[in-house]
Every structure is written in structure tokens, then in C-alpha cells.
Amino acid sequence: MEMTESLFDNIINTAQDCVFWKDKDRRFVGVNQAFLDFYGFESADILIGKTDEDMGWHNDPEPFKQDELRVLAGHSTYKVAGKCVIRGEDRDIIATKRPIYENGEIVGLVGSFMDVTDVTKRQKMHDRNQVMYTTAGLRKYPYFDKLLDELPIEELLDPLTGIVSRKYAIGFAHSLIASGTPFTFAIVDLDNFKYINDTYGHRAGDVVLTDVSAKLAGHMGADGIAGRFGGDELLLIDTKHFSRADKESVFAAMYGDAGVLRSHVVVDDHRLFVTGTTGCATFPDDAADYDDLFSKIDKTLYYGKRKGRNCFVIYDDDTHRDLDMKKLVKQGVYTNMNSLMVQLGLETGFENRLRAAMSLVQEQFHIADMYYAGHSGLMYSVIDSNISEDVSDIDMAIDDEILKVSDLEEIRDTSPKLYAALKKQNIGSALIIRIGLNMETDGYLICTDQRNNRLWQEDECGILYFIAKSLAAHIRLNKDSMPE
């Protein structure tokens, strides 16, 4: 088959790359159909005889001009990166150009280019931020399969964390409900995230978010997706685990061996211990529509926060059905302190006052017992009168009004007796408050939790501090005395 003009035209005009040729003055002589389509032209007449500068396609035309002058001097270029303006939008291109010879002389140039804007965006996204999902991985779900026919995958993902963005994670949940597909829906709220931002800076917060998001996506694997709800709240949609036993297994691993939460994230020279509170419910077992389902995971999330955070709560109708969200969210420190003031005033004697406060502490902190220690160095239980432990080195651990002990290993060296006493009672975390006024110390109040790494919150510290100071005041005003 001979190369005819007709065959040449067919080859040029079926090429997907944009092809053009110019004379020795860099004026357009012709272009192919892909070129016309790229710029939105119906005919080449609009550009024949004009240069790139005449067309205004480059914010900075000089590099393109110098590139073409080199080609007209006998050099070839290959896949040179550049930018051009298409209908007001900057586009990334790569171009290849070669000189055209006639009778041994250069009479012009021929070139081709392709638009690599989307590829460049994806590459920049990969370079700058993590990407946790692939097109193939998401296409297994009909909802995402349809979306990916129309949108690039980066449109579906959160630009920082690389997991599914809020809009499409929620859309996925709606699609599963519409098709009657069972799934477990969970929301994860990172504990004390504001403290991380305020103390170590927002870059540290971004590192924590990306780290936990990657771990969540990895933990879900092929069983579902992780999404970002907003701020420090993340979503999980699990399409495999629906029974309580299965959910217990998934979340226990998430907080344990899988190292998703209750794990350290390294930011510069800091090792930040990161925990989260999770609430979850299952469609259709727990709710028949999205609003009811989300209401239940929100309720379990706040219930987990009231329990002291750093935990997961699986919705159970008998346990959680009658929980009052207004009470969960709005019951504040003032209300609790007012109640404590009344209860403490109705009792006489140190131990009776402490037992009166214990009911509110149990309700608010979700703990089984509280302890106190006086000048004798013995620690007593508020609930169990048979408990008496030597904590005579407690003052070595606390040099301020309050000591938050998220992990007992923190006090093992400074106060080995206190450490041993708490370990004996199977205690993992403690909040210790000095009982006393001014510089005078009467003893210590010890609020405990059997879980390791409980994160004691400011409102909890406030309530315990109020109890300790109220007890100290009653010791002085009403001649109450602490047991020795």
C-alpha cells in the first residue's frame, strides 16, 4: 500500500494526539482533528498563518518560542512539559517537535502534544497526600462504579487523608439502604484532637489524621470503606460484619492488635498517643432508614464519650434505646457541681460525704470504685471497706493539684508502692487530686479505671477537683477528719 495524500490525512486525523505543522516563521500551516477538538475549533481557518503568540495560548510564550527556534535550527525535542490556556483554563501538556526538511533545507516544523493535566493532578495528589483507594478497588460497589464512569477517582476522595470524602461516603450509605444491602455504619471521633492541634500545630494534626485514616482503610480492607465525615471525625462502612460477635471482633482488633487506635504517631520529635471514640449501628437490624441509623451511631458515640472516651460502643436496643441525647450532650460541669454541692451538704462526716459524691462520679465517669489516701499513706476504697493498700509514696508522683495517669507505667519508677497498689486492684489508669486548701494537704482522692490509656477529660478533672476542695473545706469548717 502506497502512502497517498488521502491515507496520510486519515492517519493524521485519527491520531489521538494533537498534531500541527508550521512554516519556518512558526506560522500554522495545518492541524489534525484532535487539535481542533482540543481547542474547540470547527475549522483550521481560524489559525492558519498565525503563531502561538497571535492565538494567545500561553501566559508565558517565550519558552515555546525558543523551543521552536531550536527545532528550526535543526534540533528535535521530545516530550517537553509546558502549559497552555484553553478557554481560560491552564492545562498541562507535553510536546514533541521535529524539523521538516525539503531538498536538504529546513522549511518548517511538525509537532504533537497531549494533555496530561489529569495525570499531573493525580501525581501531585500522590506526591503531596496519600491515596487509599484505587478505581478498580471502588468499582466493586455499584454506587462507585457508576460514579467512576463520570468522575475521576480524585473527585471522590478527601484530598488530605485519601479516604472517601463525606459526600460520597454518605451517598454510599444511602445507596446500600436503597438496595437493601446490610452494613454496619460507624463514626470514629479522635480524642483530644484540638489539644494536638493547639499544642503541636496543625501540621501535627494533619499527620495524625492521615495516619489514622490509612490504618482505618487498611483495617477495613475489602470488607468496606473508610471515609472522612469532617474535622477529626471519620466514618466506617462495613459490608461484611453484622452480628454482635463479628462487630466486637472487628472493633476489638481496631483498638488492639491492629494498632489503628491506642497507637503512637510520630510527628517530628514527638510520639503522640492517639485514641478515638467509636459508635456504631447496623442496617437493617438496628434501623430501617438513614436518619434513624445515623441517630443511633451518634447516640452511641456520645455514650462512649460519657464513658471516658477511648472506647467503642455497639448499639444495643435494650441498653441504648432510651438514652436522652440532650442529656448526653448538654449536661455540663455546672449542673454536676450544683448537684454535688447539695449532696455533700446533706451528709456529715468525710466518708459519708464521699459516698454521696460517688453515685454521681459513677454515673458521669462510668467507673466501679474510687479511692482516697490520708496522712497514714494507706489507700482505702469508697465501695469496699476491706481494701487497704500502702501508697505512702503517692506524694512522690504528684507535685501539683492534679495528676492524670493514662498508663500506670508513668508512675512505676517515681512511686512504686502506689504503682503496686493500683496494679493489685487491676487498675490501668488513674486521676489523682490533692485534698487540701492553700499549701496544706489532707490527703488524695484517686479516681480509677481498669482500662489502660484512659484519657481524662477537663470536665472530669473539674468535677474531681470540686469534690476534693469541698471535702477539704468540710474538714476545716465541720471538723470532718480523714481516716488514718
Protein backbone atom coordinates (compact mmCIF):
# COMPACT_ATOMS: atom_id res chain seq x y z
CA MET A 1 0.00 0.00 0.00
CA GLU A 2 1.40 3.34 -1.04
CA MET A 3 1.27 6.43 1.14
CA THR A 4 -1.23 8.66 -0.60
CA GLU A 5 -2.40 12.07 0.49
CA SER A 6 -5.76 10.55 1.43
CA LEU A 7 -4.13 7.84 3.55
CA PHE A 8 -1.91 10.42 5.24
CA ASP A 9 -4.93 12.56 6.09
CA ASN A 10 -6.75 9.54 7.55
CA ILE A 11 -3.76 8.63 9.71
CA ILE A 12 -3.28 12.19 10.97
CA ASN A 13 -6.95 12.77 11.70
CA THR A 14 -7.48 9.51 13.57
CA ALA A 15 -4.48 10.12 15.85
CA GLN A 16 -5.44 10.89 19.44
CA ASP A 17 -2.50 13.27 19.94
CA CYS A 18 -2.88 16.85 18.76
CA VAL A 19 -0.73 17.23 15.61
CA PHE A 20 0.29 20.51 13.93
CA TRP A 21 2.78 21.72 11.34
CA LYS A 22 4.22 25.19 10.81
CA ASP A 23 6.33 27.10 8.30
CA LYS A 24 9.83 28.44 9.02
CA ASP A 25 8.32 31.58 10.55
CA ARG A 26 6.45 29.42 13.10
CA ARG A 27 3.08 30.15 11.46
CA PHE A 28 0.47 27.38 11.41
CA VAL A 29 0.07 25.59 8.09
CA GLY A 30 -2.21 22.78 9.26
CA VAL A 31 -3.54 20.79 12.21
CA ASN A 32 -5.36 17.48 12.72
CA GLN A 33 -8.88 16.85 14.01
CA ALA A 34 -7.71 16.11 17.59
CA PHE A 35 -6.09 19.56 17.66
CA LEU A 36 -9.31 21.23 16.54
CA ASP A 37 -11.32 19.29 19.12
CA PHE A 38 -8.89 20.19 21.90
CA TYR A 39 -9.22 23.93 21.27
CA GLY A 40 -12.89 23.78 20.32
CA PHE A 41 -12.44 24.96 16.73
CA GLU A 42 -14.71 23.87 13.88
CA SER A 43 -12.09 24.62 11.23
CA ALA A 44 -8.36 25.32 10.95
CA ASP A 45 -9.05 28.59 9.12
CA ILE A 46 -9.02 30.50 12.40
CA LEU A 47 -5.33 29.76 13.00
CA ILE A 48 -3.70 29.23 9.57
CA GLY A 49 -0.93 31.78 9.11
CA LYS A 50 -0.82 32.71 12.80
CA THR A 51 1.72 32.00 15.55
CA ASP A 52 1.12 30.81 19.12
CA GLU A 53 1.59 34.38 20.30
CA ASP A 54 -1.11 35.57 17.90
CA MET A 55 -3.50 32.99 19.35
CA GLY A 56 -2.66 33.93 22.97
CA TRP A 57 -2.36 30.32 24.12
CA HIS A 58 0.48 30.81 26.62
CA ASN A 59 0.75 33.00 29.69
CA ASP A 60 4.49 32.99 29.04
CA PRO A 61 5.06 32.34 25.32
CA GLU A 62 8.85 32.84 25.34
CA PRO A 63 9.84 29.25 26.32
CA PHE A 64 7.66 27.87 23.49
CA LYS A 65 9.14 30.35 21.02
CA GLN A 66 12.71 29.48 21.96
CA ASP A 67 11.86 25.77 21.81
CA GLU A 68 10.56 26.09 18.24
CA LEU A 69 13.53 28.26 17.14
CA ARG A 70 15.84 25.45 18.28
CA VAL A 71 13.83 22.99 16.21
CA LEU A 72 14.03 25.27 13.16
CA ALA A 73 17.80 25.33 13.73
CA GLY A 74 17.91 21.57 13.26
CA HIS A 75 17.27 20.13 16.73
CA SER A 76 14.43 17.83 17.79
CA THR A 77 12.59 17.94 21.13
CA TYR A 78 10.82 15.08 22.87
CA LYS A 79 8.08 15.25 25.49
CA VAL A 80 8.82 18.75 26.72
CA ALA A 81 6.47 19.81 29.53
CA GLY A 82 4.60 23.09 29.29
CA LYS A 83 1.32 24.88 29.90
CA CYS A 84 -1.28 26.35 27.60
CA VAL A 85 -4.52 28.23 28.14
CA ILE A 86 -7.67 26.52 26.87
CA ARG A 87 -10.90 28.51 27.17
CA GLY A 88 -9.48 30.37 30.15
CA GLU A 89 -8.12 27.27 31.94
CA ASP A 90 -4.44 26.39 32.37
CA ARG A 91 -3.70 22.91 31.03
CA ASP A 92 -0.54 20.82 31.37
CA ILE A 93 0.83 19.42 28.11
CA ILE A 94 3.89 17.54 26.87
CA ALA A 95 5.04 18.27 23.29
CA THR A 96 7.38 16.69 20.75
CA LYS A 97 8.67 18.63 17.72
CA ARG A 98 10.93 17.91 14.73
CA PRO A 99 12.15 19.99 11.79
CA ILE A 100 10.66 19.48 8.30
CA TYR A 101 13.23 19.23 5.50
CA GLU A 102 12.72 19.91 1.78
CA ASN A 103 15.66 19.49 -0.60
CA GLY A 104 18.01 19.45 2.38
CA GLU A 105 16.73 22.69 3.86
CA ILE A 106 14.52 23.25 6.88
CA VAL A 107 11.22 24.69 5.72
CA GLY A 108 9.18 24.30 8.90
CA LEU A 109 8.41 22.00 11.82
CA VAL A 110 5.93 19.32 12.78
CA GLY A 111 4.82 18.67 16.32
CA SER A 112 2.38 16.85 18.50
CA PHE A 113 1.25 17.23 22.08
CA MET A 114 -1.05 15.59 24.59
CA ASP A 115 -2.98 16.97 27.55
CA VAL A 116 -1.61 15.47 30.79
CA THR A 117 -3.46 17.77 33.24
CA ASP A 118 -5.43 14.99 34.92
CA VAL A 119 -2.36 12.75 35.14
CA THR A 120 -0.36 15.62 36.65
CA LYS A 121 -3.10 16.33 39.21
CA ARG A 122 -3.19 12.69 40.25
CA GLN A 123 0.58 12.58 40.51
CA LYS A 124 0.66 15.74 42.61
CA MET A 125 -2.04 14.27 44.83
CA HIS A 126 0.06 11.13 45.26
CA ASP A 127 3.17 13.16 45.97
CA ARG A 128 1.53 15.56 48.41
CA ASN A 129 -1.07 13.39 50.09
CA GLN A 130 -1.89 9.77 50.43
CA VAL A 131 -4.45 7.99 48.26
CA MET A 132 -6.07 4.98 49.94
CA TYR A 133 -8.34 3.72 47.15
CA THR A 134 -7.99 2.79 43.50
CA THR A 135 -10.57 2.94 40.75
CA ALA A 136 -10.58 -0.85 40.49
CA GLY A 137 -11.00 -1.22 44.24
CA LEU A 138 -14.06 1.04 44.40
CA ARG A 139 -15.72 -0.29 41.23
CA LYS A 140 -16.70 -3.47 43.09
CA TYR A 141 -19.51 -1.38 44.61
CA PRO A 142 -22.29 -0.43 42.13
CA TYR A 143 -22.57 3.07 43.63
CA PHE A 144 -18.92 3.90 42.97
CA ASP A 145 -18.87 2.00 39.68
CA LYS A 146 -21.49 4.36 38.27
CA LEU A 147 -19.77 7.46 39.65
CA LEU A 148 -16.40 6.47 38.23
CA ASP A 149 -17.88 6.35 34.74
CA GLU A 150 -18.29 10.11 35.01
CA LEU A 151 -15.74 11.31 37.59
CA PRO A 152 -12.01 10.77 38.17
CA ILE A 153 -11.28 8.97 41.42
CA GLU A 154 -9.63 12.02 42.99
CA GLU A 155 -13.03 13.72 42.96
CA LEU A 156 -14.36 11.04 45.31
CA LEU A 157 -11.54 11.14 47.84
CA ASP A 158 -10.73 13.52 50.66
CA PRO A 159 -7.65 15.46 49.48
CA LEU A 160 -5.81 15.24 52.82
CA THR A 161 -6.47 11.71 54.05
CA GLY A 162 -7.04 9.89 50.75
CA ILE A 163 -10.14 8.12 52.07
CA VAL A 164 -13.64 8.65 50.67
CA SER A 165 -14.94 12.20 51.15
CA ARG A 166 -18.03 12.97 53.24
CA LYS A 167 -20.39 13.47 50.29
CA TYR A 168 -19.64 10.14 48.68
CA ALA A 169 -19.30 8.13 51.90
CA ILE A 170 -22.79 9.24 52.93
CA GLY A 171 -24.01 8.68 49.37
CA PHE A 172 -22.65 5.13 49.58
CA ALA A 173 -24.58 4.52 52.81
CA HIS A 174 -27.78 5.82 51.20
CA SER A 175 -27.23 3.55 48.18
CA LEU A 176 -26.82 0.47 50.39
CA ILE A 177 -30.05 1.29 52.22
CA ALA A 178 -31.87 1.88 48.92
CA SER A 179 -30.76 -1.53 47.63
CA GLY A 180 -31.49 -3.28 50.95
CA THR A 181 -27.84 -4.25 51.42
CA PRO A 182 -26.90 -4.85 55.08
CA PHE A 183 -23.95 -2.90 56.50
CA THR A 184 -22.52 -1.66 59.77
CA PHE A 185 -22.11 2.10 60.00
CA ALA A 186 -19.62 3.62 62.47
CA ILE A 187 -18.31 7.06 63.31
CA VAL A 188 -14.88 7.47 64.90
CA ASP A 189 -14.09 10.69 66.79
CA LEU A 190 -10.39 11.20 67.56
CA ASP A 191 -9.95 12.03 71.23
CA ASN A 192 -8.39 15.36 72.27
CA PHE A 193 -7.64 16.32 68.67
CA LYS A 194 -7.92 20.03 69.48
CA TYR A 195 -5.21 19.57 72.09
CA ILE A 196 -2.91 18.06 69.46
CA ASN A 197 -3.53 20.99 67.10
CA ASP A 198 -3.11 23.61 69.84
CA THR A 199 0.00 22.01 71.35
CA TYR A 200 1.92 20.65 68.38
CA GLY A 201 0.45 22.66 65.49
CA HIS A 202 -1.97 21.93 62.67
CA ARG A 203 0.64 20.05 60.66
CA ALA A 204 0.82 17.54 63.50
CA GLY A 205 -2.97 17.27 63.37
CA ASP A 206 -2.79 16.57 59.63
CA VAL A 207 -0.18 13.86 60.21
CA VAL A 208 -2.38 12.21 62.84
CA LEU A 209 -5.45 12.34 60.57
CA THR A 210 -3.63 10.85 57.59
CA ASP A 211 -2.02 8.15 59.73
CA VAL A 212 -5.26 7.02 61.39
CA SER A 213 -7.19 7.24 58.10
CA ALA A 214 -4.67 4.99 56.37
CA LYS A 215 -4.87 2.49 59.21
CA LEU A 216 -8.68 2.53 59.16
CA ALA A 217 -8.78 1.94 55.41
CA GLY A 218 -6.28 -0.88 55.79
CA HIS A 219 -8.26 -2.40 58.65
CA MET A 220 -11.45 -2.37 56.56
CA GLY A 221 -9.64 -3.86 53.58
CA ALA A 222 -12.03 -5.46 51.11
CA ASP A 223 -14.85 -5.54 53.70
CA GLY A 224 -15.87 -1.90 53.30
CA ILE A 225 -14.62 1.67 53.10
CA ALA A 226 -13.33 4.41 55.37
CA GLY A 227 -14.48 7.99 54.85
CA ARG A 228 -13.91 11.40 56.37
CA PHE A 229 -17.02 12.91 57.90
CA GLY A 230 -15.33 16.21 58.72
CA GLY A 231 -12.64 17.58 61.02
CA ASP A 232 -11.46 14.76 63.28
CA GLU A 233 -14.48 12.53 62.67
CA LEU A 234 -14.11 9.52 60.39
CA LEU A 235 -16.65 7.03 59.02
CA LEU A 236 -16.57 3.29 58.54
CA ILE A 237 -18.98 1.38 56.32
CA ASP A 238 -18.55 -2.37 56.83
CA THR A 239 -20.41 -4.56 54.33
CA LYS A 240 -19.41 -7.87 55.92
CA HIS A 241 -19.76 -7.86 59.72
CA PHE A 242 -23.30 -7.59 61.13
CA SER A 243 -23.61 -9.88 64.18
CA ARG A 244 -22.63 -8.52 67.57
CA ALA A 245 -19.84 -11.07 67.88
CA ASP A 246 -18.40 -10.10 64.49
CA LYS A 247 -18.58 -6.39 65.31
CA GLU A 248 -16.93 -6.97 68.68
CA SER A 249 -14.10 -8.78 66.90
CA VAL A 250 -13.59 -6.00 64.31
CA PHE A 251 -13.53 -3.18 66.85
CA ALA A 252 -11.52 -5.07 69.46
CA ALA A 253 -8.84 -5.60 66.82
CA MET A 254 -9.08 -1.95 65.77
CA TYR A 255 -8.33 -0.90 69.35
CA GLY A 256 -5.85 -3.69 69.92
CA ASP A 257 -3.58 -5.80 67.76
CA ALA A 258 -4.33 -3.96 64.50
CA GLY A 259 -2.86 -0.79 66.01
CA VAL A 260 -5.38 1.56 64.41
CA LEU A 261 -6.22 3.33 67.67
CA ARG A 262 -4.44 3.32 71.02
CA SER A 263 -1.26 3.65 68.99
CA HIS A 264 1.56 6.15 68.65
CA VAL A 265 2.00 8.55 65.74
CA VAL A 266 5.43 10.09 65.32
CA VAL A 267 5.47 13.80 64.43
CA ASP A 268 8.97 15.28 64.27
CA ASP A 269 10.45 14.58 67.72
CA HIS A 270 7.12 13.74 69.36
CA ARG A 271 5.41 10.37 69.82
CA LEU A 272 1.72 11.20 70.15
CA PHE A 273 -0.54 8.57 71.68
CA VAL A 274 -3.73 8.62 69.63
CA THR A 275 -7.08 7.22 70.72
CA GLY A 276 -10.62 7.56 69.47
CA THR A 277 -14.22 7.00 70.49
CA THR A 278 -16.43 4.95 68.17
CA GLY A 279 -20.19 4.48 67.96
CA CYS A 280 -21.82 2.05 65.54
CA ALA A 281 -25.13 0.54 64.46
CA THR A 282 -26.23 -1.85 61.72
CA PHE A 283 -28.74 -1.61 58.87
CA PRO A 284 -31.35 -3.07 58.84
CA ASP A 285 -31.07 -4.75 62.26
CA ASP A 286 -30.93 -1.51 64.25
CA ALA A 287 -32.60 0.98 61.90
CA ALA A 288 -34.63 0.94 58.67
CA ASP A 289 -33.58 4.32 57.24
CA TYR A 290 -30.54 6.57 57.15
CA ASP A 291 -31.73 9.21 59.62
CA ASP A 292 -32.56 6.65 62.29
CA LEU A 293 -29.32 4.77 61.66
CA PHE A 294 -27.18 7.89 61.95
CA SER A 295 -29.07 8.99 65.05
CA LYS A 296 -28.18 5.70 66.72
CA ILE A 297 -24.48 5.81 65.86
CA ASP A 298 -24.40 9.42 67.06
CA LYS A 299 -26.05 8.36 70.31
CA THR A 300 -23.58 5.53 70.89
CA LEU A 301 -20.68 7.87 70.09
CA TYR A 302 -21.74 10.34 72.78
CA TYR A 303 -22.39 7.49 75.17
CA GLY A 304 -18.80 6.40 74.60
CA LYS A 305 -17.58 9.93 75.31
CA ARG A 306 -19.52 9.93 78.56
CA LYS A 307 -17.85 6.64 79.48
CA GLY A 308 -14.47 8.35 79.28
CA ARG A 309 -13.66 8.12 75.56
CA ASN A 310 -11.02 5.76 74.11
CA CYS A 311 -13.63 3.03 73.60
CA PHE A 312 -16.14 1.63 71.12
CA VAL A 313 -19.88 1.28 71.71
CA ILE A 314 -22.05 -1.09 69.66
CA TYR A 315 -25.70 -0.12 69.58
CA ASP A 316 -27.93 -2.36 71.66
CA ASP A 317 -31.62 -1.56 71.67
CA ASP A 318 -32.25 -2.64 75.26
CA THR A 319 -29.31 -0.60 76.56
CA HIS A 320 -29.36 2.48 74.36
CA ARG A 321 -32.93 2.91 73.15
CA ASP A 322 -33.96 5.29 75.93
CA LEU A 323 -30.77 7.34 76.11
CA ASP A 324 -31.55 11.04 76.05
CA MET A 325 -29.23 12.81 73.59
CA LYS A 326 -29.92 16.20 75.17
CA LYS A 327 -28.77 14.83 78.49
CA LEU A 328 -25.75 13.15 76.92
CA VAL A 329 -24.65 16.31 75.14
CA LYS A 330 -25.77 19.18 77.34
CA GLN A 331 -25.32 18.01 80.90
CA GLY A 332 -22.44 20.23 81.92
CA VAL A 333 -20.00 20.81 84.72
CA TYR A 334 -22.19 23.44 86.41
CA THR A 335 -25.17 21.06 86.67
CA ASN A 336 -22.97 18.33 88.15
CA MET A 337 -21.28 20.63 90.62
CA ASN A 338 -24.59 22.05 91.79
CA SER A 339 -25.85 18.51 92.39
CA LEU A 340 -22.66 17.63 94.26
CA MET A 341 -22.91 20.70 96.48
CA VAL A 342 -26.41 19.67 97.55
CA GLN A 343 -25.44 16.02 98.18
CA LEU A 344 -22.29 16.86 100.12
CA GLY A 345 -24.17 19.37 102.28
CA LEU A 346 -26.80 16.80 103.29
CA GLU A 347 -24.23 14.39 104.74
CA THR A 348 -21.96 14.51 107.78
CA GLY A 349 -18.52 13.01 108.09
CA PHE A 350 -15.79 12.59 105.45
CA GLU A 351 -16.65 9.06 104.37
CA ASN A 352 -20.39 9.71 104.16
CA ARG A 353 -19.83 12.80 102.03
CA LEU A 354 -17.51 10.85 99.73
CA ARG A 355 -20.05 8.05 99.34
CA ALA A 356 -22.69 10.62 98.46
CA ALA A 357 -20.44 12.02 95.73
CA MET A 358 -19.63 8.52 94.50
CA SER A 359 -23.04 7.99 92.87
CA LEU A 360 -22.58 10.97 90.57
CA VAL A 361 -18.94 10.03 89.85
CA GLN A 362 -20.01 6.53 88.86
CA GLU A 363 -22.72 7.89 86.58
CA GLN A 364 -20.50 10.52 84.95
CA PHE A 365 -17.19 8.67 84.79
CA HIS A 366 -18.52 5.09 84.38
CA ILE A 367 -16.14 3.67 86.97
CA ALA A 368 -16.69 0.94 89.55
CA ASP A 369 -14.81 2.43 92.53
CA MET A 370 -12.90 5.41 93.87
CA TYR A 371 -10.15 5.55 96.50
CA TYR A 372 -8.70 8.00 98.99
CA ALA A 373 -5.47 8.20 100.98
CA GLY A 374 -4.66 10.23 104.11
CA HIS A 375 -1.53 11.07 106.10
CA SER A 376 -1.03 7.41 107.08
CA GLY A 377 -0.21 6.55 103.50
CA LEU A 378 -2.93 3.91 103.31
CA MET A 379 -5.34 3.83 100.36
CA TYR A 380 -8.98 2.95 101.08
CA SER A 381 -11.83 2.07 98.76
CA VAL A 382 -15.07 4.06 98.85
CA ILE A 383 -17.09 0.96 97.91
CA ASP A 384 -15.18 -1.93 99.51
CA SER A 385 -14.22 -1.35 103.15
CA ASN A 386 -11.90 -4.41 103.10
CA ILE A 387 -9.41 -2.74 100.74
CA SER A 388 -6.42 -1.08 102.39
CA GLU A 389 -3.17 -0.63 100.46
CA ASP A 390 0.15 1.06 101.19
CA VAL A 391 0.57 4.11 98.91
CA SER A 392 2.89 6.05 101.19
CA ASP A 393 4.96 7.28 98.24
CA ILE A 394 1.97 8.89 96.48
CA ASP A 395 3.33 12.38 97.15
CA MET A 396 6.39 11.48 95.04
CA ALA A 397 4.15 11.14 91.99
CA ILE A 398 2.09 14.31 92.29
CA ASP A 399 3.65 17.76 92.56
CA ASP A 400 0.56 19.74 91.58
CA GLU A 401 -3.16 19.75 92.33
CA ILE A 402 -3.98 17.12 89.70
CA LEU A 403 -2.15 14.15 88.17
CA LYS A 404 -3.54 12.40 85.09
CA VAL A 405 -2.14 8.88 84.76
CA SER A 406 -3.22 7.37 81.46
CA ASP A 407 -0.82 4.44 81.85
CA LEU A 408 0.43 3.20 85.24
CA GLU A 409 3.90 2.74 83.79
CA GLU A 410 4.22 6.52 84.08
CA ILE A 411 4.46 6.26 87.90
CA ARG A 412 6.25 2.93 88.22
CA ASP A 413 9.66 4.45 88.99
CA THR A 414 8.61 7.51 90.98
CA SER A 415 6.01 5.80 93.20
CA PRO A 416 6.49 2.02 93.17
CA LYS A 417 4.17 1.46 96.17
CA LEU A 418 1.33 3.40 94.56
CA TYR A 419 2.00 1.56 91.31
CA ALA A 420 1.88 -1.84 93.03
CA ALA A 421 -1.32 -0.99 94.95
CA LEU A 422 -3.16 0.12 91.81
CA LYS A 423 -1.92 -2.87 89.81
CA LYS A 424 -3.15 -5.17 92.57
CA GLN A 425 -6.65 -3.74 92.09
CA ASN A 426 -6.37 -4.31 88.31
CA ILE A 427 -6.31 -0.57 87.66
CA GLY A 428 -4.94 0.70 84.35
CA SER A 429 -5.44 4.47 84.59
CA ALA A 430 -5.88 6.94 87.43
CA LEU A 431 -6.81 10.55 88.10
CA ILE A 432 -5.32 11.80 91.38
CA ILE A 433 -6.46 15.02 93.06
CA ARG A 434 -4.91 16.63 96.15
CA ILE A 435 -7.36 17.10 99.03
CA GLY A 436 -6.39 20.30 100.81
CA LEU A 437 -6.51 24.07 100.82
CA ASN A 438 -3.71 26.51 100.18
CA MET A 439 -0.41 24.77 100.98
CA GLU A 440 -1.91 22.30 103.45
CA THR A 441 -2.52 18.74 102.19
CA ASP A 442 -5.05 16.46 103.91
CA GLY A 443 -4.72 13.55 101.51
CA TYR A 444 -5.55 12.43 97.99
CA LEU A 445 -8.62 11.42 96.02
CA ILE A 446 -7.95 8.68 93.45
CA CYS A 447 -10.40 8.05 90.62
CA THR A 448 -9.52 4.91 88.66
CA ASP A 449 -10.34 2.95 85.54
CA GLN A 450 -9.43 -0.63 84.74
CA ARG A 451 -8.69 0.34 81.14
CA ASN A 452 -5.18 1.32 80.12
CA ASN A 453 -4.72 4.71 78.47
CA ARG A 454 -7.95 6.34 79.52
CA LEU A 455 -7.80 9.99 78.55
CA TRP A 456 -9.07 12.04 81.48
CA GLN A 457 -11.10 14.99 80.25
CA GLU A 458 -11.15 18.55 81.57
CA ASP A 459 -14.73 18.30 82.82
CA GLU A 460 -13.82 15.13 84.75
CA CYS A 461 -10.83 16.89 86.30
CA GLY A 462 -13.10 19.81 87.19
CA ILE A 463 -15.64 17.61 88.97
CA LEU A 464 -12.98 15.68 90.95
CA TYR A 465 -11.22 18.92 91.84
CA PHE A 466 -14.50 20.36 93.14
CA ILE A 467 -15.13 17.24 95.26
CA ALA A 468 -11.61 17.32 96.70
CA LYS A 469 -11.81 21.02 97.60
CA SER A 470 -15.31 20.62 99.06
CA LEU A 471 -14.07 17.77 101.26
CA ALA A 472 -11.13 19.92 102.37
CA ALA A 473 -13.49 22.75 103.24
CA HIS A 474 -15.74 20.45 105.30
CA ILE A 475 -12.68 19.14 107.16
CA ARG A 476 -11.95 22.68 108.31
CA LEU A 477 -15.47 24.02 108.78
CA ASN A 478 -17.24 20.97 110.19
CA LYS A 479 -14.28 19.24 111.80
CA ASP A 480 -14.56 16.25 109.46
CA SER A 481 -11.49 14.05 109.56
CA MET A 482 -9.97 11.66 107.05
CA PRO A 483 -9.47 8.05 108.21
CA GLU A 484 -5.85 7.30 109.04
